[in-house]
Amino acid sequence: MSRISIVIPMFNEARHIGRTLLAAQKAAHAANVECELIVVDNGSSDDGPQIARQLGARVLSMPGLTIGALRNRGTAIASGEWLAFVDADIEMPEDWLTSLFKLEGDGMANVFSLDLHTPAAAPWYATAWQRRTLRPVTQATHIVGWLPSANLLMRRRWFDKVGGFNETLRTGEDKEFTLRLREHGARLLSANKSVALHWGYEMNWREWMGKEMWRQGSHLQLLRSHGFSLRLLRFPLLSLAAWVLDLLAISALLNGFPHHAAIMVAMTLLPALVLSVRQSRRQHSLGLTLQLWGLHWVRLHLAGAAFILSLCHRNARRPARG
């Protein structure tokens, strides 16, 4: 019988870790594989570690590490032929392992991830932001350039081949890790026949903006680790341009040129519109397009601020949540 090690980084996730562990166990049972659960705790102050132990997980206490380091520490004690990384607020469907094992057996790919959705209780901005990543249901699988690490599945040898996650990155470690996997010959596949549920959705605007600010803080580190790349620079430069246009609009307004100011503001709205249309056109929802338009406009400005702060080495450290 095959054995899978499921590594779950965690920080103050007592609300969700029980659901995450039970769903992972159910999926392993359905796939008829032995399941080893490893929770790597980053210094939680709630009951998350105790709940994880009660449900049979091995819990490592590793406060103060980056999320990549947490995953690496968990993998260091893992004994499974298969390796999965699941965030502590993700509920995997029961057919998760059954369907992906079959895809791997058919030679479809080497590294896998399921699309994410939010529960019905999530606010509109959290739901819209998650929906932007969903791919058409008419295509159950998609070969992609990189994968997010909310859920990842691979044979252990692929992890060992690239040496694990980059422990210096505060965020963006999933993109950097899977880009290296692809460079070493792995085929990356995103599947959406069934989806995982993200229970750690943003419950208010402040949390949404804080998470986006944190996520956007990795661009400079990715450039340092992967070298100069227009692809990696594209969004930071676009966001900085939005800030410049905002300043020019304010200047034009103060100097009595309201029409010029309006043109500048419209120019900041255009990139956000292009991004929202590109991500929502296959779902045929005008409402989603408009929601994403506003969210992308805010995100452009947050990304510019995060990039400037990273240049100044002033990005505040944040616990690795998982």
C-alpha atoms as a PDB file:
ATOM      1  CA  MET A   1       0.000   0.000   0.000  1.00  0.00           C
ATOM      2  CA  SER A   2       1.275   3.483  -0.876  1.00  0.00           C
ATOM      3  CA  ARG A   3       1.896   6.015   1.867  1.00  0.00           C
ATOM      4  CA  ILE A   4       1.311   9.754   1.744  1.00  0.00           C
ATOM      5  CA  SER A   5       2.737  12.382   4.085  1.00  0.00           C
ATOM      6  CA  ILE A   6       0.549  15.499   4.348  1.00  0.00           C
ATOM      7  CA  VAL A   7       2.443  18.528   5.666  1.00  0.00           C
ATOM      8  CA  ILE A   8       0.330  21.359   7.074  1.00  0.00           C
ATOM      9  CA  PRO A   9       1.914  24.645   8.227  1.00  0.00           C
ATOM     10  CA  MET A  10      -0.209  26.390  10.860  1.00  0.00           C
ATOM     11  CA  PHE A  11      -0.506  29.594  12.868  1.00  0.00           C
ATOM     12  CA  ASN A  12      -3.585  30.185  15.054  1.00  0.00           C
ATOM     13  CA  GLU A  13      -5.934  28.044  12.974  1.00  0.00           C
ATOM     14  CA  ALA A  14      -7.937  26.358  15.752  1.00  0.00           C
ATOM     15  CA  ARG A  15     -11.131  27.273  13.882  1.00  0.00           C
ATOM     16  CA  HIS A  16     -10.151  25.279  10.814  1.00  0.00           C
ATOM     17  CA  ILE A  17      -7.463  22.688  11.527  1.00  0.00           C
ATOM     18  CA  GLY A  18      -9.934  19.997  12.644  1.00  0.00           C
ATOM     19  CA  ARG A  19     -11.887  20.252   9.395  1.00  0.00           C
ATOM     20  CA  THR A  20      -8.654  20.237   7.375  1.00  0.00           C
ATOM     21  CA  LEU A  21      -7.284  17.111   9.057  1.00  0.00           C
ATOM     22  CA  LEU A  22     -10.536  15.143   8.934  1.00  0.00           C
ATOM     23  CA  ALA A  23     -11.001  15.906   5.219  1.00  0.00           C
ATOM     24  CA  ALA A  24      -7.416  14.840   4.476  1.00  0.00           C
ATOM     25  CA  GLN A  25      -7.914  11.567   6.358  1.00  0.00           C
ATOM     26  CA  LYS A  26     -11.164  10.882   4.515  1.00  0.00           C
ATOM     27  CA  ALA A  27      -9.493  11.481   1.138  1.00  0.00           C
ATOM     28  CA  ALA A  28      -6.616   9.132   2.041  1.00  0.00           C
ATOM     29  CA  HIS A  29      -9.080   6.431   3.131  1.00  0.00           C
ATOM     30  CA  ALA A  30     -11.028   6.798  -0.136  1.00  0.00           C
ATOM     31  CA  ALA A  31      -7.778   6.409  -2.098  1.00  0.00           C
ATOM     32  CA  ASN A  32      -6.728   3.382   0.004  1.00  0.00           C
ATOM     33  CA  VAL A  33      -3.364   4.851   1.054  1.00  0.00           C
ATOM     34  CA  GLU A  34      -1.703   5.105   4.446  1.00  0.00           C
ATOM     35  CA  CYS A  35      -1.794   8.687   5.700  1.00  0.00           C
ATOM     36  CA  GLU A  36       0.791  10.489   7.812  1.00  0.00           C
ATOM     37  CA  LEU A  37      -0.333  13.912   9.066  1.00  0.00           C
ATOM     38  CA  ILE A  38       2.397  16.401  10.021  1.00  0.00           C
ATOM     39  CA  VAL A  39       1.384  19.808  11.387  1.00  0.00           C
ATOM     40  CA  VAL A  40       4.205  22.343  11.678  1.00  0.00           C
ATOM     41  CA  ASP A  41       3.099  25.056  14.091  1.00  0.00           C
ATOM     42  CA  ASN A  42       4.598  28.533  13.892  1.00  0.00           C
ATOM     43  CA  GLY A  43       3.996  29.490  17.526  1.00  0.00           C
ATOM     44  CA  SER A  44       0.195  29.430  17.774  1.00  0.00           C
ATOM     45  CA  SER A  45      -1.403  30.895  20.894  1.00  0.00           C
ATOM     46  CA  ASP A  46      -4.751  29.121  20.395  1.00  0.00           C
ATOM     47  CA  ASP A  47      -5.802  25.471  20.727  1.00  0.00           C
ATOM     48  CA  GLY A  48      -4.762  24.496  17.200  1.00  0.00           C
ATOM     49  CA  PRO A  49      -1.815  22.276  18.234  1.00  0.00           C
ATOM     50  CA  GLN A  50      -3.919  20.386  20.804  1.00  0.00           C
ATOM     51  CA  ILE A  51      -6.722  19.805  18.302  1.00  0.00           C
ATOM     52  CA  ALA A  52      -4.219  18.512  15.739  1.00  0.00           C
ATOM     53  CA  ARG A  53      -2.719  16.040  18.240  1.00  0.00           C
ATOM     54  CA  GLN A  54      -6.175  14.791  19.248  1.00  0.00           C
ATOM     55  CA  LEU A  55      -6.864  13.997  15.587  1.00  0.00           C
ATOM     56  CA  GLY A  56      -3.703  11.948  15.224  1.00  0.00           C
ATOM     57  CA  ALA A  57      -1.331  14.462  13.669  1.00  0.00           C
ATOM     58  CA  ARG A  58       2.302  14.755  14.623  1.00  0.00           C
ATOM     59  CA  VAL A  59       2.828  18.380  15.679  1.00  0.00           C
ATOM     60  CA  LEU A  60       6.167  20.169  15.416  1.00  0.00           C
ATOM     61  CA  SER A  61       6.591  23.508  17.193  1.00  0.00           C
ATOM     62  CA  MET A  62       8.690  25.818  14.995  1.00  0.00           C
ATOM     63  CA  PRO A  63       7.985  29.458  15.941  1.00  0.00           C
ATOM     64  CA  GLY A  64       9.435  32.342  13.961  1.00  0.00           C
ATOM     65  CA  LEU A  65      10.121  30.544  10.666  1.00  0.00           C
ATOM     66  CA  THR A  66       9.013  31.455   7.154  1.00  0.00           C
ATOM     67  CA  ILE A  67       6.278  29.345   5.611  1.00  0.00           C
ATOM     68  CA  GLY A  68       8.781  27.701   3.258  1.00  0.00           C
ATOM     69  CA  ALA A  69      10.915  26.697   6.228  1.00  0.00           C
ATOM     70  CA  LEU A  70       7.865  25.244   7.998  1.00  0.00           C
ATOM     71  CA  ARG A  71       7.105  23.038   4.993  1.00  0.00           C
ATOM     72  CA  ASN A  72      10.735  21.949   4.733  1.00  0.00           C
ATOM     73  CA  ARG A  73      10.880  21.001   8.433  1.00  0.00           C
ATOM     74  CA  GLY A  74       7.740  18.940   8.091  1.00  0.00           C
ATOM     75  CA  THR A  75       9.073  17.190   4.999  1.00  0.00           C
ATOM     76  CA  ALA A  76      12.326  16.371   6.784  1.00  0.00           C
ATOM     77  CA  ILE A  77      10.495  13.914   9.057  1.00  0.00           C
ATOM     78  CA  ALA A  78       8.003  12.696   6.414  1.00  0.00           C
ATOM     79  CA  SER A  79       8.184   9.023   5.441  1.00  0.00           C
ATOM     80  CA  GLY A  80       5.671   8.842   2.584  1.00  0.00           C
ATOM     81  CA  GLU A  81       6.368   8.015  -1.039  1.00  0.00           C
ATOM     82  CA  TRP A  82       3.834  10.738  -1.841  1.00  0.00           C
ATOM     83  CA  LEU A  83       4.055  14.240  -0.430  1.00  0.00           C
ATOM     84  CA  ALA A  84       1.247  16.770  -0.092  1.00  0.00           C
ATOM     85  CA  PHE A  85       1.215  20.319   1.227  1.00  0.00           C
ATOM     86  CA  VAL A  86      -2.125  21.624   2.435  1.00  0.00           C
ATOM     87  CA  ASP A  87      -2.772  24.915   4.204  1.00  0.00           C
ATOM     88  CA  ALA A  88      -4.422  24.706   7.618  1.00  0.00           C
ATOM     89  CA  ASP A  89      -7.632  26.407   6.437  1.00  0.00           C
ATOM     90  CA  ILE A  90      -8.268  24.229   3.359  1.00  0.00           C
ATOM     91  CA  GLU A  91     -10.884  21.475   3.156  1.00  0.00           C
ATOM     92  CA  MET A  92      -9.964  18.950   0.480  1.00  0.00           C
ATOM     93  CA  PRO A  93     -12.753  16.972  -1.288  1.00  0.00           C
ATOM     94  CA  GLU A  94     -13.051  13.238  -0.700  1.00  0.00           C
ATOM     95  CA  ASP A  95     -11.946  12.360  -4.253  1.00  0.00           C
ATOM     96  CA  TRP A  96      -8.842  14.593  -4.029  1.00  0.00           C
ATOM     97  CA  LEU A  97      -6.224  11.828  -3.950  1.00  0.00           C
ATOM     98  CA  THR A  98      -8.169   9.257  -5.952  1.00  0.00           C
ATOM     99  CA  SER A  99      -8.525  11.539  -8.968  1.00  0.00           C
ATOM    100  CA  LEU A 100      -5.002  12.985  -8.877  1.00  0.00           C
ATOM    101  CA  PHE A 101      -3.312   9.606  -8.402  1.00  0.00           C
ATOM    102  CA  LYS A 102      -5.109   8.459 -11.544  1.00  0.00           C
ATOM    103  CA  LEU A 103      -3.912  11.505 -13.494  1.00  0.00           C
ATOM    104  CA  GLU A 104      -0.343  10.821 -12.406  1.00  0.00           C
ATOM    105  CA  GLY A 105      -0.679   7.158 -13.309  1.00  0.00           C
ATOM    106  CA  ASP A 106      -1.924   8.140 -16.773  1.00  0.00           C
ATOM    107  CA  GLY A 107       1.194  10.274 -17.265  1.00  0.00           C
ATOM    108  CA  MET A 108      -0.741  13.556 -17.351  1.00  0.00           C
ATOM    109  CA  ALA A 109       1.637  15.462 -15.048  1.00  0.00           C
ATOM    110  CA  ASN A 110       3.980  15.232 -12.052  1.00  0.00           C
ATOM    111  CA  VAL A 111       2.822  17.965  -9.652  1.00  0.00           C
ATOM    112  CA  PHE A 112      -0.846  18.665  -8.971  1.00  0.00           C
ATOM    113  CA  SER A 113      -3.165  21.186  -7.343  1.00  0.00           C
ATOM    114  CA  LEU A 114      -6.944  21.584  -7.094  1.00  0.00           C
ATOM    115  CA  ASP A 115      -8.695  24.880  -7.736  1.00  0.00           C
ATOM    116  CA  LEU A 116     -10.046  26.665  -4.657  1.00  0.00           C
ATOM    117  CA  HIS A 117     -13.462  28.096  -3.893  1.00  0.00           C
ATOM    118  CA  THR A 118     -14.900  29.879  -0.849  1.00  0.00           C
ATOM    119  CA  PRO A 119     -17.796  28.680   1.333  1.00  0.00           C
ATOM    120  CA  ALA A 120     -21.207  30.292   0.847  1.00  0.00           C
ATOM    121  CA  ALA A 121     -20.754  32.422   3.982  1.00  0.00           C
ATOM    122  CA  ALA A 122     -17.788  34.351   2.552  1.00  0.00           C
ATOM    123  CA  PRO A 123     -18.275  38.091   1.786  1.00  0.00           C
ATOM    124  CA  TRP A 124     -18.529  39.161  -1.843  1.00  0.00           C
ATOM    125  CA  TYR A 125     -14.963  40.463  -2.163  1.00  0.00           C
ATOM    126  CA  ALA A 126     -13.453  37.224  -0.834  1.00  0.00           C
ATOM    127  CA  THR A 127     -15.655  35.149  -3.148  1.00  0.00           C
ATOM    128  CA  ALA A 128     -14.936  37.322  -6.198  1.00  0.00           C
ATOM    129  CA  TRP A 129     -11.194  37.265  -5.519  1.00  0.00           C
ATOM    130  CA  GLN A 130     -11.211  33.475  -5.256  1.00  0.00           C
ATOM    131  CA  ARG A 131     -13.415  33.044  -8.351  1.00  0.00           C
ATOM    132  CA  ARG A 132     -10.874  34.884 -10.482  1.00  0.00           C
ATOM    133  CA  THR A 133      -8.561  31.856 -10.231  1.00  0.00           C
ATOM    134  CA  LEU A 134     -11.186  29.306 -11.287  1.00  0.00           C
ATOM    135  CA  ARG A 135     -10.789  27.829 -14.730  1.00  0.00           C
ATOM    136  CA  PRO A 136     -13.604  26.776 -17.078  1.00  0.00           C
ATOM    137  CA  VAL A 137     -15.454  23.661 -15.926  1.00  0.00           C
ATOM    138  CA  THR A 138     -15.412  22.458 -19.534  1.00  0.00           C
ATOM    139  CA  GLN A 139     -11.693  21.779 -19.074  1.00  0.00           C
ATOM    140  CA  ALA A 140     -11.097  19.547 -16.053  1.00  0.00           C
ATOM    141  CA  THR A 141      -7.293  19.818 -16.200  1.00  0.00           C
ATOM    142  CA  HIS A 142      -4.843  22.540 -17.201  1.00  0.00           C
ATOM    143  CA  ILE A 143      -1.069  22.408 -17.612  1.00  0.00           C
ATOM    144  CA  VAL A 144       0.199  25.621 -16.019  1.00  0.00           C
ATOM    145  CA  GLY A 145       3.421  27.556 -15.509  1.00  0.00           C
ATOM    146  CA  TRP A 146       3.294  27.538 -11.714  1.00  0.00           C
ATOM    147  CA  LEU A 147       1.005  26.417  -8.894  1.00  0.00           C
ATOM    148  CA  PRO A 148      -0.097  27.975  -5.597  1.00  0.00           C
ATOM    149  CA  SER A 149       0.708  25.981  -2.474  1.00  0.00           C
ATOM    150  CA  ALA A 150      -2.676  26.035  -0.719  1.00  0.00           C
ATOM    151  CA  ASN A 151      -2.686  22.406  -1.872  1.00  0.00           C
ATOM    152  CA  LEU A 152       0.111  20.637  -3.713  1.00  0.00           C
ATOM    153  CA  LEU A 153       0.636  16.943  -4.436  1.00  0.00           C
ATOM    154  CA  MET A 154       3.729  15.204  -5.852  1.00  0.00           C
ATOM    155  CA  ARG A 155       5.954  12.197  -5.409  1.00  0.00           C
ATOM    156  CA  ARG A 156       8.660  12.812  -2.812  1.00  0.00           C
ATOM    157  CA  ARG A 157      11.455  12.566  -5.364  1.00  0.00           C
ATOM    158  CA  TRP A 158      10.364  15.832  -7.027  1.00  0.00           C
ATOM    159  CA  PHE A 159      10.676  17.741  -3.770  1.00  0.00           C
ATOM    160  CA  ASP A 160      14.131  16.266  -3.190  1.00  0.00           C
ATOM    161  CA  LYS A 161      15.176  16.999  -6.771  1.00  0.00           C
ATOM    162  CA  VAL A 162      14.812  20.781  -6.314  1.00  0.00           C
ATOM    163  CA  GLY A 163      15.852  20.921  -2.664  1.00  0.00           C
ATOM    164  CA  GLY A 164      12.529  22.048  -1.196  1.00  0.00           C
ATOM    165  CA  PHE A 165      11.145  25.520  -0.617  1.00  0.00           C
ATOM    166  CA  ASN A 166      13.206  28.706  -0.498  1.00  0.00           C
ATOM    167  CA  GLU A 167      13.351  29.565   3.213  1.00  0.00           C
ATOM    168  CA  THR A 168      14.340  33.205   2.707  1.00  0.00           C
ATOM    169  CA  LEU A 169      11.036  34.204   1.073  1.00  0.00           C
ATOM    170  CA  ARG A 170       8.314  35.598   3.329  1.00  0.00           C
ATOM    171  CA  THR A 171       5.717  35.048   0.614  1.00  0.00           C
ATOM    172  CA  GLY A 172       5.735  33.927  -3.013  1.00  0.00           C
ATOM    173  CA  GLU A 173       7.584  30.770  -1.987  1.00  0.00           C
ATOM    174  CA  ASP A 174       5.016  28.631  -3.812  1.00  0.00           C
ATOM    175  CA  LYS A 175       5.583  30.348  -7.133  1.00  0.00           C
ATOM    176  CA  GLU A 176       9.352  30.180  -6.748  1.00  0.00           C
ATOM    177  CA  PHE A 177       9.208  26.486  -5.749  1.00  0.00           C
ATOM    178  CA  THR A 178       6.979  25.368  -8.606  1.00  0.00           C
ATOM    179  CA  LEU A 179       8.922  27.454 -11.141  1.00  0.00           C
ATOM    180  CA  ARG A 180      12.016  25.495 -10.112  1.00  0.00           C
ATOM    181  CA  LEU A 181      10.088  22.233 -10.403  1.00  0.00           C
ATOM    182  CA  ARG A 182       9.140  23.140 -13.963  1.00  0.00           C
ATOM    183  CA  GLU A 183      12.741  24.092 -14.777  1.00  0.00           C
ATOM    184  CA  HIS A 184      13.752  20.594 -13.629  1.00  0.00           C
ATOM    185  CA  GLY A 185      11.280  18.917 -15.978  1.00  0.00           C
ATOM    186  CA  ALA A 186       8.122  18.565 -13.878  1.00  0.00           C
ATOM    187  CA  ARG A 187       4.757  19.086 -15.566  1.00  0.00           C
ATOM    188  CA  LEU A 188       2.441  21.155 -13.375  1.00  0.00           C
ATOM    189  CA  LEU A 189      -1.291  20.490 -13.546  1.00  0.00           C
ATOM    190  CA  SER A 190      -4.257  22.341 -12.052  1.00  0.00           C
ATOM    191  CA  ALA A 191      -7.469  20.298 -11.799  1.00  0.00           C
ATOM    192  CA  ASN A 192     -11.020  21.542 -11.259  1.00  0.00           C
ATOM    193  CA  LYS A 193     -13.268  18.512 -11.628  1.00  0.00           C
ATOM    194  CA  SER A 194     -13.802  19.034  -7.904  1.00  0.00           C
ATOM    195  CA  VAL A 195     -12.555  21.975  -5.851  1.00  0.00           C
ATOM    196  CA  ALA A 196     -11.094  22.525  -2.399  1.00  0.00           C
ATOM    197  CA  LEU A 197     -12.766  24.966  -0.013  1.00  0.00           C
ATOM    198  CA  HIS A 198     -10.806  27.874   1.436  1.00  0.00           C
ATOM    199  CA  TRP A 199     -12.253  28.513   4.900  1.00  0.00           C
ATOM    200  CA  GLY A 200      -9.654  31.127   5.819  1.00  0.00           C
ATOM    201  CA  TYR A 201     -11.267  33.762   3.636  1.00  0.00           C
ATOM    202  CA  GLU A 202     -10.910  37.454   4.462  1.00  0.00           C
ATOM    203  CA  MET A 203     -13.682  38.463   6.858  1.00  0.00           C
ATOM    204  CA  ASN A 204     -13.279  42.230   6.427  1.00  0.00           C
ATOM    205  CA  TRP A 205     -11.707  44.790   4.102  1.00  0.00           C
ATOM    206  CA  ARG A 206      -8.760  45.436   6.397  1.00  0.00           C
ATOM    207  CA  GLU A 207      -7.831  41.752   6.374  1.00  0.00           C
ATOM    208  CA  TRP A 208      -8.162  41.527   2.589  1.00  0.00           C
ATOM    209  CA  MET A 209      -5.909  44.538   2.045  1.00  0.00           C
ATOM    210  CA  GLY A 210      -3.419  43.327   4.644  1.00  0.00           C
ATOM    211  CA  LYS A 211      -3.116  39.926   2.985  1.00  0.00           C
ATOM    212  CA  GLU A 212      -2.671  41.460  -0.464  1.00  0.00           C
ATOM    213  CA  MET A 213      -0.014  43.834   0.856  1.00  0.00           C
ATOM    214  CA  TRP A 214       1.790  40.840   2.341  1.00  0.00           C
ATOM    215  CA  ARG A 215       1.483  38.730  -0.817  1.00  0.00           C
ATOM    216  CA  GLN A 216       2.819  41.517  -3.020  1.00  0.00           C
ATOM    217  CA  GLY A 217       5.928  41.949  -0.883  1.00  0.00           C
ATOM    218  CA  SER A 218       7.821  39.086  -2.537  1.00  0.00           C
ATOM    219  CA  HIS A 219       8.507  40.525  -6.005  1.00  0.00           C
ATOM    220  CA  LEU A 220      11.945  41.897  -5.171  1.00  0.00           C
ATOM    221  CA  GLN A 221      13.048  38.629  -3.553  1.00  0.00           C
ATOM    222  CA  LEU A 222      11.808  36.626  -6.546  1.00  0.00           C
ATOM    223  CA  LEU A 223      13.855  38.864  -8.844  1.00  0.00           C
ATOM    224  CA  ARG A 224      16.916  38.325  -6.685  1.00  0.00           C
ATOM    225  CA  SER A 225      16.512  34.536  -6.701  1.00  0.00           C
ATOM    226  CA  HIS A 226      15.490  34.098 -10.379  1.00  0.00           C
ATOM    227  CA  GLY A 227      17.329  36.981 -12.008  1.00  0.00           C
ATOM    228  CA  PHE A 228      15.929  39.830 -14.080  1.00  0.00           C
ATOM    229  CA  SER A 229      12.569  38.938 -15.606  1.00  0.00           C
ATOM    230  CA  LEU A 230      10.049  41.181 -17.327  1.00  0.00           C
ATOM    231  CA  ARG A 231       7.357  38.675 -16.354  1.00  0.00           C
ATOM    232  CA  LEU A 232       8.130  39.111 -12.649  1.00  0.00           C
ATOM    233  CA  LEU A 233       8.574  42.867 -13.014  1.00  0.00           C
ATOM    234  CA  ARG A 234       5.396  43.433 -15.030  1.00  0.00           C
ATOM    235  CA  PHE A 235       2.931  43.836 -12.170  1.00  0.00           C
ATOM    236  CA  PRO A 236       5.196  45.856  -9.807  1.00  0.00           C
ATOM    237  CA  LEU A 237       6.020  48.294 -12.615  1.00  0.00           C
ATOM    238  CA  LEU A 238       2.341  48.578 -13.541  1.00  0.00           C
ATOM    239  CA  SER A 239       1.468  49.327  -9.935  1.00  0.00           C
ATOM    240  CA  LEU A 240       4.193  51.953  -9.651  1.00  0.00           C
ATOM    241  CA  ALA A 241       2.850  53.565 -12.826  1.00  0.00           C
ATOM    242  CA  ALA A 242      -0.578  53.758 -11.180  1.00  0.00           C
ATOM    243  CA  TRP A 243       0.941  55.635  -8.247  1.00  0.00           C
ATOM    244  CA  VAL A 244       2.720  58.058 -10.615  1.00  0.00           C
ATOM    245  CA  LEU A 245      -0.535  58.722 -12.481  1.00  0.00           C
ATOM    246  CA  ASP A 246      -2.345  59.347  -9.187  1.00  0.00           C
ATOM    247  CA  LEU A 247       0.269  61.944  -8.212  1.00  0.00           C
ATOM    248  CA  LEU A 248       0.032  63.580 -11.626  1.00  0.00           C
ATOM    249  CA  ALA A 249      -3.767  63.683 -11.308  1.00  0.00           C
ATOM    250  CA  ILE A 250      -3.538  65.382  -7.915  1.00  0.00           C
ATOM    251  CA  SER A 251      -1.017  67.857  -9.284  1.00  0.00           C
ATOM    252  CA  ALA A 252      -3.225  68.632 -12.309  1.00  0.00           C
ATOM    253  CA  LEU A 253      -6.245  69.139 -10.067  1.00  0.00           C
ATOM    254  CA  LEU A 254      -4.377  71.491  -7.736  1.00  0.00           C
ATOM    255  CA  ASN A 255      -3.121  73.516 -10.718  1.00  0.00           C
ATOM    256  CA  GLY A 256      -6.577  73.967 -12.191  1.00  0.00           C
ATOM    257  CA  PHE A 257      -6.593  71.281 -14.867  1.00  0.00           C
ATOM    258  CA  PRO A 258      -9.525  69.008 -13.905  1.00  0.00           C
ATOM    259  CA  HIS A 259      -9.802  67.461 -17.372  1.00  0.00           C
ATOM    260  CA  HIS A 260      -6.161  66.394 -17.260  1.00  0.00           C
ATOM    261  CA  ALA A 261      -6.741  64.963 -13.782  1.00  0.00           C
ATOM    262  CA  ALA A 262      -9.715  62.945 -15.053  1.00  0.00           C
ATOM    263  CA  ILE A 263      -7.605  61.510 -17.874  1.00  0.00           C
ATOM    264  CA  MET A 264      -4.922  60.450 -15.398  1.00  0.00           C
ATOM    265  CA  VAL A 265      -7.475  58.741 -13.152  1.00  0.00           C
ATOM    266  CA  ALA A 266      -8.994  56.952 -16.164  1.00  0.00           C
ATOM    267  CA  MET A 267      -5.537  55.676 -17.096  1.00  0.00           C
ATOM    268  CA  THR A 268      -5.175  54.068 -13.649  1.00  0.00           C
ATOM    269  CA  LEU A 269      -8.550  52.360 -14.100  1.00  0.00           C
ATOM    270  CA  LEU A 270      -7.669  50.838 -17.481  1.00  0.00           C
ATOM    271  CA  PRO A 271      -5.105  48.206 -16.351  1.00  0.00           C
ATOM    272  CA  ALA A 272      -7.479  47.044 -13.613  1.00  0.00           C
ATOM    273  CA  LEU A 273     -10.271  46.716 -16.189  1.00  0.00           C
ATOM    274  CA  VAL A 274      -8.060  44.658 -18.520  1.00  0.00           C
ATOM    275  CA  LEU A 275      -7.107  42.310 -15.682  1.00  0.00           C
ATOM    276  CA  SER A 276     -10.722  41.890 -14.555  1.00  0.00           C
ATOM    277  CA  VAL A 277     -12.026  41.192 -18.071  1.00  0.00           C
ATOM    278  CA  ARG A 278      -9.266  38.662 -18.740  1.00  0.00           C
ATOM    279  CA  GLN A 279     -10.011  36.760 -15.532  1.00  0.00           C
ATOM    280  CA  SER A 280     -13.822  36.842 -15.721  1.00  0.00           C
ATOM    281  CA  ARG A 281     -14.633  36.563 -19.431  1.00  0.00           C
ATOM    282  CA  ARG A 282     -14.949  32.760 -19.368  1.00  0.00           C
ATOM    283  CA  GLN A 283     -17.444  32.911 -16.513  1.00  0.00           C
ATOM    284  CA  HIS A 284     -19.756  35.258 -18.448  1.00  0.00           C
ATOM    285  CA  SER A 285     -20.617  37.375 -15.402  1.00  0.00           C
ATOM    286  CA  LEU A 286     -20.768  41.164 -15.699  1.00  0.00           C
ATOM    287  CA  GLY A 287     -21.162  41.412 -11.932  1.00  0.00           C
ATOM    288  CA  LEU A 288     -17.923  39.500 -11.364  1.00  0.00           C
ATOM    289  CA  THR A 289     -16.127  41.685 -13.924  1.00  0.00           C
ATOM    290  CA  LEU A 290     -17.186  44.869 -12.123  1.00  0.00           C
ATOM    291  CA  GLN A 291     -16.261  43.445  -8.715  1.00  0.00           C
ATOM    292  CA  LEU A 292     -12.821  42.390  -9.927  1.00  0.00           C
ATOM    293  CA  TRP A 293     -12.322  45.776 -11.592  1.00  0.00           C
ATOM    294  CA  GLY A 294     -12.578  47.538  -8.254  1.00  0.00           C
ATOM    295  CA  LEU A 295     -10.511  44.921  -6.424  1.00  0.00           C
ATOM    296  CA  HIS A 296      -7.733  45.010  -9.014  1.00  0.00           C
ATOM    297  CA  TRP A 297      -7.604  48.802  -8.836  1.00  0.00           C
ATOM    298  CA  VAL A 298      -7.060  48.608  -5.078  1.00  0.00           C
ATOM    299  CA  ARG A 299      -4.541  45.772  -5.518  1.00  0.00           C
ATOM    300  CA  LEU A 300      -2.502  47.779  -8.015  1.00  0.00           C
ATOM    301  CA  HIS A 301      -1.988  50.471  -5.414  1.00  0.00           C
ATOM    302  CA  LEU A 302      -1.226  47.990  -2.648  1.00  0.00           C
ATOM    303  CA  ALA A 303       1.374  46.268  -4.831  1.00  0.00           C
ATOM    304  CA  GLY A 304       3.131  49.554  -5.534  1.00  0.00           C
ATOM    305  CA  ALA A 305       3.297  50.367  -1.835  1.00  0.00           C
ATOM    306  CA  ALA A 306       4.578  46.846  -1.013  1.00  0.00           C
ATOM    307  CA  PHE A 307       7.276  47.068  -3.700  1.00  0.00           C
ATOM    308  CA  ILE A 308       8.484  50.448  -2.442  1.00  0.00           C
ATOM    309  CA  LEU A 309       8.575  49.170   1.147  1.00  0.00           C
ATOM    310  CA  SER A 310      10.543  46.089   0.090  1.00  0.00           C
ATOM    311  CA  LEU A 311      13.072  48.357  -1.621  1.00  0.00           C
ATOM    312  CA  CYS A 312      13.397  50.240   1.656  1.00  0.00           C
ATOM    313  CA  HIS A 313      13.606  46.979   3.665  1.00  0.00           C
ATOM    314  CA  ARG A 314      10.629  48.097   5.721  1.00  0.00           C
ATOM    315  CA  ASN A 315       8.126  45.303   5.073  1.00  0.00           C
ATOM    316  CA  ALA A 316       6.931  44.152   8.459  1.00  0.00           C
ATOM    317  CA  ARG A 317       7.402  40.474   9.250  1.00  0.00           C
ATOM    318  CA  ARG A 318       4.256  38.461   9.512  1.00  0.00           C
ATOM    319  CA  PRO A 319       3.807  34.953  10.992  1.00  0.00           C
ATOM    320  CA  ALA A 320       3.623  32.200   8.393  1.00  0.00           C
ATOM    321  CA  ARG A 321       0.005  31.111   8.558  1.00  0.00           C
ATOM    322  CA  GLY A 322      -0.306  28.198   6.190  1.00  0.00           C
END
